[in-house]
């Protein structure tokens, strides 16, 4: 099936858009990381909490601040029609990310017996890196869904506009009709 150049943005344009999104995701995520590590450090050193409890408390606080950044800055132009669904999915995927982080930390402390505060921070960095990749893909794909693109409307106000129709467009339309008929014919058999 052929498509016109106007209906599909080129790969370079898609990558530029994705690069900007990754940078903004990184900025929001970095602020969450700073909050996460600050709260974690205060919990294990100032409050004397166990490392896993400290990690969970720090991650929950970071999740709350990250949601605000993602919703109102990075993905502000995305569909927000169903906030209940969005928040539910955000919390589910954030919770899975928290389990990834906490799992790496637990493995480091309880299996590898690396339990100094600096070793715990190192494990937290590794767990956070893996969880960040998971979160980026899941937020982008399922949580903050893109608005559907409007259908292009062709305006043919004069006979000149009708004459200017490119032969490639006609060929693409004919090919689409042919494919549609082949599908109908195959279903009829």
Protein backbone atom coordinates (compact mmCIF):
# COMPACT_ATOMS: atom_id res chain seq x y z
CA UNK A 1 0.00 0.00 0.00
CA UNK A 2 1.46 3.35 -0.97
CA UNK A 3 1.17 6.45 1.15
CA UNK A 4 1.77 10.04 0.29
CA UNK A 5 4.64 12.03 1.72
CA UNK A 6 2.16 14.35 3.44
CA UNK A 7 0.51 11.53 5.40
CA UNK A 8 3.66 10.22 7.08
CA UNK A 9 6.36 12.36 8.67
CA UNK A 10 9.90 11.40 7.64
CA UNK A 11 12.05 9.34 10.01
CA UNK A 12 14.37 12.27 10.73
CA UNK A 13 11.42 14.37 11.89
CA UNK A 14 10.18 11.55 14.14
CA UNK A 15 13.64 11.16 15.68
CA UNK A 16 13.89 14.92 16.34
CA UNK A 17 10.55 14.81 18.15
CA UNK A 18 11.61 11.76 20.13
CA UNK A 19 14.93 13.38 21.04
CA UNK A 20 13.12 16.40 22.49
CA UNK A 21 10.81 14.08 24.39
CA UNK A 22 13.73 12.07 25.77
CA UNK A 23 15.48 15.28 26.91
CA UNK A 24 12.35 16.54 28.69
CA UNK A 25 11.76 13.09 30.18
CA UNK A 26 15.34 13.20 31.44
CA UNK A 27 14.87 16.63 33.03
CA UNK A 28 11.72 15.59 34.87
CA UNK A 29 13.31 12.26 35.75
CA UNK A 30 16.49 13.94 37.01
CA UNK A 31 14.49 16.12 39.36
CA UNK A 32 12.79 12.94 40.59
CA UNK A 33 16.17 11.24 41.02
CA UNK A 34 17.45 14.14 43.13
CA UNK A 35 14.34 13.97 45.30
CA UNK A 36 14.55 10.16 45.44
CA UNK A 37 18.21 10.08 46.52
CA UNK A 38 17.82 12.97 48.98
CA UNK A 39 14.87 11.32 50.72
CA UNK A 40 16.62 7.93 50.64
CA UNK A 41 19.76 9.40 52.24
CA UNK A 42 17.77 11.22 54.93
CA UNK A 43 15.78 8.05 55.70
CA UNK A 44 18.78 5.74 56.11
CA UNK A 45 21.10 8.24 57.79
CA UNK A 46 18.85 10.72 59.58
CA UNK A 47 15.91 8.52 60.49
CA UNK A 48 17.77 5.20 60.70
CA UNK A 49 15.22 3.33 58.57
CA UNK A 50 16.12 0.08 56.83
CA UNK A 51 17.27 0.40 53.23
CA UNK A 52 14.20 -1.16 51.61
CA UNK A 53 11.78 0.99 53.62
CA UNK A 54 13.87 4.05 52.81
CA UNK A 55 13.82 3.16 49.12
CA UNK A 56 10.06 2.72 49.05
CA UNK A 57 9.44 6.03 50.88
CA UNK A 58 11.85 7.90 48.61
CA UNK A 59 10.40 6.39 45.43
CA UNK A 60 6.80 7.14 46.40
CA UNK A 61 7.65 10.81 46.97
CA UNK A 62 9.58 10.97 43.68
CA UNK A 63 6.67 9.33 41.82
CA UNK A 64 4.30 12.04 43.05
CA UNK A 65 6.58 14.88 41.94
CA UNK A 66 7.35 13.20 38.61
CA UNK A 67 3.67 12.83 37.77
CA UNK A 68 3.22 16.57 38.04
CA UNK A 69 6.18 17.20 35.74
CA UNK A 70 5.10 14.65 33.18
CA UNK A 71 1.43 15.64 33.12
CA UNK A 72 1.79 19.42 33.17
CA UNK A 73 5.05 19.92 31.27
CA UNK A 74 6.26 17.01 29.14
CA UNK A 75 2.95 15.44 28.12
CA UNK A 76 0.68 18.48 28.50
CA UNK A 77 -0.42 18.16 24.85
CA UNK A 78 -1.42 14.52 25.21
CA UNK A 79 -4.93 13.24 25.72
CA UNK A 80 -6.10 14.00 29.24
CA UNK A 81 -9.73 12.99 28.74
CA UNK A 82 -9.54 10.13 31.19
CA UNK A 83 -7.49 11.30 34.18
CA UNK A 84 -8.63 8.39 36.33
CA UNK A 85 -7.29 5.89 33.79
CA UNK A 86 -4.10 7.90 33.33
CA UNK A 87 -3.36 8.16 37.06
CA UNK A 88 -4.17 4.49 37.59
CA UNK A 89 -1.80 3.38 34.81
CA UNK A 90 0.86 5.84 35.97
CA UNK A 91 0.73 4.41 39.49
CA UNK A 92 0.75 0.81 38.23
CA UNK A 93 3.79 1.34 35.98
CA UNK A 94 5.52 3.47 38.61
CA UNK A 95 4.90 0.70 41.13
CA UNK A 96 6.46 -1.84 38.78
CA UNK A 97 9.43 0.50 38.38
CA UNK A 98 9.67 0.75 42.16
CA UNK A 99 9.68 -3.05 42.40
CA UNK A 100 12.53 -3.16 39.88
CA UNK A 101 14.54 -0.63 41.91
CA UNK A 102 13.79 -2.31 45.22
CA UNK A 103 14.51 -5.75 43.80
CA UNK A 104 17.99 -4.70 42.70
CA UNK A 105 18.61 -3.10 46.10
CA UNK A 106 17.33 -6.18 47.96
CA UNK A 107 19.50 -8.48 45.84
CA UNK A 108 22.54 -6.33 46.58
CA UNK A 109 21.93 -6.14 50.33
CA UNK A 110 20.53 -9.60 51.12
CA UNK A 111 22.16 -11.83 48.51
CA UNK A 112 25.46 -10.13 47.79
CA UNK A 113 25.76 -8.79 51.38
CA UNK A 114 26.88 -5.37 50.17
CA UNK A 115 25.26 -3.29 52.87
CA UNK A 116 27.31 -0.13 53.38
CA UNK A 117 25.43 3.07 52.58
CA UNK A 118 27.58 3.70 49.50
CA UNK A 119 27.06 0.17 48.18
CA UNK A 120 23.34 0.65 48.67
CA UNK A 121 23.51 3.91 46.71
CA UNK A 122 25.32 2.08 43.90
CA UNK A 123 22.63 -0.59 43.82
CA UNK A 124 20.00 2.12 43.80
CA UNK A 125 21.65 3.76 40.78
CA UNK A 126 21.60 0.47 38.84
CA UNK A 127 18.01 -0.30 39.81
CA UNK A 128 16.92 3.20 38.93
CA UNK A 129 18.58 3.00 35.50
CA UNK A 130 16.75 -0.21 34.62
CA UNK A 131 13.45 1.11 36.00
CA UNK A 132 13.83 4.37 34.06
CA UNK A 133 13.96 2.60 30.72
CA UNK A 134 10.87 0.60 31.68
CA UNK A 135 9.02 3.73 32.81
CA UNK A 136 9.86 5.74 29.69
CA UNK A 137 8.48 3.06 27.40
CA UNK A 138 5.39 2.38 29.49
CA UNK A 139 4.48 6.04 30.15
CA UNK A 140 4.93 6.97 26.50
CA UNK A 141 3.05 3.95 25.19
CA UNK A 142 0.17 3.43 27.63
CA UNK A 143 -0.14 6.27 30.13
CA UNK A 144 0.21 9.57 28.28
CA UNK A 145 -1.32 8.57 24.96
CA UNK A 146 -1.06 10.88 21.98
CA UNK A 147 -4.10 12.65 20.65
CA UNK A 148 -5.27 11.25 17.33
CA UNK A 149 -4.01 13.27 14.38
CA UNK A 150 -6.72 15.16 12.48
CA UNK A 151 -7.61 13.86 9.05
CA UNK A 152 -6.17 16.04 6.28
CA UNK A 153 -8.88 17.87 4.38
CA UNK A 154 -8.35 18.47 0.68
CA UNK A 155 -9.73 21.78 -0.55
CA UNK A 156 -10.49 21.90 -4.25
CA UNK A 157 -12.03 25.30 -4.83
CA UNK A 158 -11.16 25.74 -8.49
CA UNK A 159 -10.65 23.64 -11.57
CA UNK A 160 -6.91 24.44 -11.36
CA UNK A 161 -6.69 22.68 -8.00
CA UNK A 162 -8.32 19.58 -9.49
CA UNK A 163 -5.89 19.66 -12.42
CA UNK A 164 -2.94 19.97 -10.04
CA UNK A 165 -3.68 16.54 -8.52
CA UNK A 166 -0.49 14.57 -8.73
CA UNK A 167 -0.50 11.26 -10.58
CA UNK A 168 1.17 9.62 -7.60
CA UNK A 169 -1.81 10.46 -5.40
CA UNK A 170 -4.18 8.90 -7.88
CA UNK A 171 -2.00 5.80 -8.09
CA UNK A 172 -1.93 5.53 -4.30
CA UNK A 173 -5.73 5.82 -4.13
CA UNK A 174 -6.13 3.19 -6.85
CA UNK A 175 -3.73 0.86 -5.06
CA UNK A 176 -5.64 1.33 -1.79
CA UNK A 177 -8.92 0.50 -3.52
CA UNK A 178 -7.36 -2.59 -5.10
CA UNK A 179 -6.03 -3.84 -1.77
CA UNK A 180 -9.41 -3.23 -0.14
CA UNK A 181 -11.15 -5.23 -2.87
CA UNK A 182 -8.62 -8.07 -2.51
CA UNK A 183 -9.32 -8.23 1.23
CA UNK A 184 -13.08 -8.32 0.62
CA UNK A 185 -12.63 -11.04 -2.01
CA UNK A 186 -10.42 -13.12 0.32
CA UNK A 187 -12.99 -12.84 3.13
CA UNK A 188 -15.80 -13.91 0.77
CA UNK A 189 -13.97 -17.14 -0.06
